[in-house]
Amino acid sequence: MPRLIEYSEARLQIREMDLLLFRKRGPVARAGRGVHSHAARAAWWHEDLFCIEVLPWHGGRAVTLSSQVERDPGCYDVYEVNPHNAWPRYNRVLAARFMRRLAGRHYGYLGLLLTSLTHMPIVRWFYRPSADDGLQVNRPPFCSHACALADHLAGGVDPVPQLADSQVEPADLARSPFYRYRFTLIPDGWQPPPWWRVWMRRALRWLTITCLLTWLWYLLCIL
């Protein structure tokens, strides 16, 4: 069970480059056999705490972490980087600079597609994920790829040594000993919605998807 903490209480406990994993079930989380579908990093600008991430349709960007917690309560898990300073060579300052410089970069759609293909039933029978980072091509990163690059190339520590950085998924970061789960962020004074509202939202979502698929099937039949 996640350890829920209000943002105002947790804010000063979050350090530069702490890992932020977005807790939401979806294709990415299921493919990685985890509960997270997105990865980002925390960064301080003077007194303001930001979330640096690489998102589809947006690319690299920096937004206040408080705004994201308000938008998605109970979804952002905070992981401490380099717990107990077990990797003394890790350079937090250079890793943070690397993440900041991703702002404005394009999103790595091709990299995400290639990583997704490795989970296809037939493909994974014949393809073994590579751990050789020297084979990586210079292409825009997706979310967890960017986080792994920052710690490996700039910070000096490979968080998932058994995989190339370009194939690292959010679930791989969550399982890495280089990160340690601390708490999950909620807005100040937030209360979980009643169960019936949660189920209504899920039912509405599935109804919308079903209607769209039915409409597409109808169009295909009449063409």
Protein backbone atom coordinates (compact mmCIF):
# COMPACT_ATOMS: atom_id res chain seq x y z
CA MET A 1 0.00 0.00 0.00
CA PRO A 2 1.31 3.47 -0.85
CA ARG A 3 2.26 5.77 2.01
CA LEU A 4 0.18 8.91 1.39
CA ILE A 5 1.66 12.23 2.53
CA GLU A 6 0.31 15.74 1.95
CA TYR A 7 2.38 17.85 -0.39
CA SER A 8 3.17 20.62 2.11
CA GLU A 9 4.60 18.06 4.55
CA ALA A 10 6.57 16.15 1.95
CA ARG A 11 7.86 19.09 -0.07
CA LEU A 12 11.01 19.84 1.94
CA GLN A 13 11.83 16.14 2.18
CA ILE A 14 12.19 15.86 -1.60
CA ARG A 15 15.74 16.34 -2.86
CA GLU A 16 17.12 17.37 -6.21
CA MET A 17 16.78 14.55 -8.76
CA ASP A 18 14.56 12.33 -6.63
CA LEU A 19 12.66 9.97 -8.90
CA LEU A 20 8.94 10.58 -9.51
CA LEU A 21 6.99 7.58 -10.77
CA PHE A 22 3.41 8.01 -11.92
CA ARG A 23 1.22 5.28 -10.43
CA LYS A 24 -1.43 4.34 -12.99
CA ARG A 25 -2.47 1.09 -14.58
CA GLY A 26 -2.13 1.09 -18.34
CA PRO A 27 -0.38 -0.62 -21.26
CA VAL A 28 3.06 0.65 -20.19
CA ALA A 29 2.64 -0.53 -16.60
CA ARG A 30 1.28 -3.93 -17.65
CA ALA A 31 4.02 -4.49 -20.22
CA GLY A 32 6.68 -3.73 -17.61
CA ARG A 33 4.93 -5.91 -15.01
CA GLY A 34 4.61 -2.97 -12.63
CA VAL A 35 2.20 -0.29 -11.47
CA HIS A 36 3.86 2.79 -12.99
CA SER A 37 3.29 4.24 -16.44
CA HIS A 38 5.50 7.34 -16.39
CA ALA A 39 8.80 8.55 -14.91
CA ALA A 40 10.03 12.07 -14.10
CA ARG A 41 12.51 13.84 -11.82
CA ALA A 42 12.24 16.46 -9.09
CA ALA A 43 14.29 19.64 -9.38
CA TRP A 44 14.57 22.80 -7.32
CA TRP A 45 14.66 26.31 -8.75
CA HIS A 46 15.40 28.55 -5.79
CA GLU A 47 12.36 27.98 -3.53
CA ASP A 48 10.17 26.31 -6.16
CA LEU A 49 9.96 22.55 -6.65
CA PHE A 50 9.52 21.40 -10.24
CA CYS A 51 8.79 18.17 -12.07
CA ILE A 52 11.04 17.63 -15.11
CA GLU A 53 9.66 15.12 -17.57
CA VAL A 54 9.48 14.05 -21.21
CA LEU A 55 5.86 13.62 -22.29
CA PRO A 56 4.06 12.66 -25.52
CA TRP A 57 2.74 15.72 -27.38
CA HIS A 58 4.85 17.97 -25.12
CA GLY A 59 8.41 16.66 -25.26
CA GLY A 60 10.77 17.78 -22.52
CA ARG A 61 9.23 20.24 -20.07
CA ALA A 62 9.39 21.53 -16.50
CA VAL A 63 6.20 22.18 -14.50
CA THR A 64 5.60 22.79 -10.80
CA LEU A 65 5.22 19.55 -8.92
CA SER A 66 2.36 20.97 -6.86
CA SER A 67 0.27 21.48 -10.02
CA GLN A 68 0.73 17.85 -11.02
CA VAL A 69 -0.15 16.58 -7.55
CA GLU A 70 -3.34 18.68 -7.60
CA ARG A 71 -4.21 17.25 -10.98
CA ASP A 72 -3.50 13.60 -10.10
CA PRO A 73 -3.78 13.03 -6.33
CA GLY A 74 -2.16 9.88 -5.01
CA CYS A 75 -0.44 9.09 -8.31
CA TYR A 76 3.08 10.46 -7.82
CA ASP A 77 5.39 8.12 -5.93
CA VAL A 78 8.62 9.70 -4.68
CA TYR A 79 11.76 7.54 -4.75
CA GLU A 80 14.97 8.59 -3.06
CA VAL A 81 18.00 8.51 -5.36
CA ASN A 82 21.20 6.83 -4.16
CA PRO A 83 19.87 5.76 -0.73
CA HIS A 84 22.42 5.90 2.11
CA ASN A 85 24.92 7.25 -0.45
CA ALA A 86 25.67 3.66 -1.45
CA TRP A 87 27.07 4.94 -4.78
CA PRO A 88 29.46 7.71 -3.62
CA ARG A 89 30.58 8.51 -7.18
CA TYR A 90 27.06 9.64 -8.14
CA ASN A 91 26.99 13.30 -9.23
CA ARG A 92 23.54 14.70 -8.46
CA VAL A 93 24.36 18.18 -9.80
CA LEU A 94 25.40 16.98 -13.26
CA ALA A 95 22.42 14.61 -13.48
CA ALA A 96 20.04 17.47 -12.67
CA ARG A 97 21.69 19.67 -15.30
CA PHE A 98 21.20 16.90 -17.87
CA MET A 99 17.47 16.66 -17.10
CA ARG A 100 17.01 20.43 -17.26
CA ARG A 101 18.58 20.54 -20.70
CA LEU A 102 15.99 18.09 -22.01
CA ALA A 103 13.38 20.86 -21.79
CA GLY A 104 12.21 21.64 -25.31
CA ARG A 105 13.47 18.34 -26.76
CA HIS A 106 11.19 16.10 -28.80
CA TYR A 107 9.57 13.00 -27.33
CA GLY A 108 11.10 9.63 -28.28
CA TYR A 109 8.15 8.02 -30.05
CA LEU A 110 10.40 5.68 -32.02
CA GLY A 111 12.24 4.53 -28.92
CA LEU A 112 8.98 3.84 -27.10
CA LEU A 113 7.66 1.89 -30.09
CA LEU A 114 10.79 -0.26 -30.32
CA THR A 115 10.71 -0.95 -26.58
CA SER A 116 7.02 -1.85 -26.78
CA LEU A 117 7.66 -4.31 -29.60
CA THR A 118 9.97 -6.34 -27.33
CA HIS A 119 6.88 -7.30 -25.29
CA MET A 120 5.00 -8.73 -28.27
CA PRO A 121 4.49 -12.50 -27.85
CA ILE A 122 6.32 -13.56 -31.01
CA VAL A 123 9.06 -10.91 -30.88
CA ARG A 124 10.14 -11.71 -27.34
CA TRP A 125 10.69 -15.36 -28.27
CA PHE A 126 13.47 -14.38 -30.66
CA TYR A 127 14.73 -11.06 -29.25
CA ARG A 128 16.77 -10.70 -26.09
CA PRO A 129 17.01 -7.15 -24.64
CA SER A 130 20.52 -5.75 -24.90
CA ALA A 131 22.54 -4.39 -21.99
CA ASP A 132 25.08 -2.72 -24.28
CA ASP A 133 24.65 1.04 -24.04
CA GLY A 134 27.27 1.47 -26.77
CA LEU A 135 24.74 0.26 -29.34
CA GLN A 136 22.35 3.13 -28.62
CA VAL A 137 21.65 5.62 -31.38
CA ASN A 138 21.29 9.32 -30.76
CA ARG A 139 17.51 9.73 -30.78
CA PRO A 140 15.08 11.67 -28.55
CA PRO A 141 14.33 9.82 -25.29
CA PHE A 142 10.99 8.85 -23.77
CA CYS A 143 10.27 9.32 -20.07
CA SER A 144 12.13 6.49 -18.31
CA HIS A 145 14.84 6.49 -20.98
CA ALA A 146 15.56 10.14 -20.11
CA CYS A 147 15.74 9.36 -16.37
CA ALA A 148 18.16 6.49 -16.94
CA LEU A 149 20.33 8.62 -19.25
CA ALA A 150 20.57 11.41 -16.69
CA ASP A 151 21.86 9.12 -13.95
CA HIS A 152 24.08 7.04 -16.21
CA LEU A 153 25.67 9.55 -18.59
CA ALA A 154 25.72 12.61 -16.33
CA GLY A 155 25.44 11.18 -12.83
CA GLY A 156 27.95 8.38 -13.38
CA VAL A 157 25.80 5.46 -12.17
CA ASP A 158 23.86 3.03 -14.36
CA PRO A 159 20.56 2.52 -12.47
CA VAL A 160 19.57 -0.58 -14.51
CA PRO A 161 22.83 -2.23 -15.62
CA GLN A 162 21.09 -5.31 -17.04
CA LEU A 163 19.35 -3.18 -19.69
CA ALA A 164 20.45 -0.56 -22.19
CA ASP A 165 19.20 2.89 -21.18
CA SER A 166 17.00 3.06 -24.29
CA GLN A 167 15.05 -0.01 -23.10
CA VAL A 168 14.49 1.03 -19.48
CA GLU A 169 10.82 1.30 -18.47
CA PRO A 170 9.26 2.88 -15.35
CA ALA A 171 8.85 -0.52 -13.70
CA ASP A 172 12.58 -1.20 -14.18
CA LEU A 173 13.42 2.02 -12.34
CA ALA A 174 11.05 1.09 -9.50
CA ARG A 175 12.83 -2.25 -9.05
CA SER A 176 16.33 -0.78 -9.17
CA PRO A 177 18.24 -0.68 -5.85
CA PHE A 178 19.51 2.75 -6.88
CA TYR A 179 16.08 4.14 -5.92
CA ARG A 180 14.13 3.67 -2.68
CA TYR A 181 10.42 4.32 -2.30
CA ARG A 182 9.56 6.95 0.31
CA PHE A 183 5.96 8.17 -0.06
CA THR A 184 3.12 9.08 -2.41
CA LEU A 185 2.00 12.70 -2.78
CA ILE A 186 -1.53 14.01 -2.22
CA PRO A 187 -2.79 17.63 -2.12
CA ASP A 188 -3.29 19.28 1.26
CA GLY A 189 -6.67 18.33 2.75
CA TRP A 190 -7.39 15.80 0.01
CA GLN A 191 -9.84 12.97 0.70
CA PRO A 192 -10.24 9.94 -1.56
CA PRO A 193 -13.47 9.99 -3.59
CA PRO A 194 -16.26 7.59 -2.62
CA TRP A 195 -16.15 4.17 -4.22
CA TRP A 196 -19.27 4.75 -6.33
CA ARG A 197 -17.72 7.80 -8.00
CA VAL A 198 -14.60 5.81 -8.87
CA TRP A 199 -16.68 3.06 -10.44
CA MET A 200 -18.81 5.58 -12.34
CA ARG A 201 -15.68 7.11 -13.86
CA ARG A 202 -14.38 3.70 -14.88
CA ALA A 203 -17.73 2.72 -16.37
CA LEU A 204 -17.91 5.99 -18.30
CA ARG A 205 -14.39 5.49 -19.61
CA TRP A 206 -15.10 1.96 -20.83
CA LEU A 207 -18.42 3.06 -22.33
CA THR A 208 -16.66 5.80 -24.26
CA ILE A 209 -14.02 3.38 -25.56
CA THR A 210 -16.68 0.85 -26.54
CA CYS A 211 -18.68 3.49 -28.42
CA LEU A 212 -15.59 4.68 -30.29
CA LEU A 213 -14.60 1.14 -31.28
CA THR A 214 -18.17 0.38 -32.38
CA TRP A 215 -18.26 3.56 -34.45
CA LEU A 216 -14.93 2.69 -36.11
CA TRP A 217 -16.12 -0.84 -36.86
CA TYR A 218 -19.30 0.56 -38.43
CA LEU A 219 -17.25 2.89 -40.65
CA LEU A 220 -15.05 0.03 -41.77
CA CYS A 221 -18.09 -2.09 -42.65
CA ILE A 222 -19.76 0.54 -44.81
CA LEU A 223 -16.63 1.57 -46.69
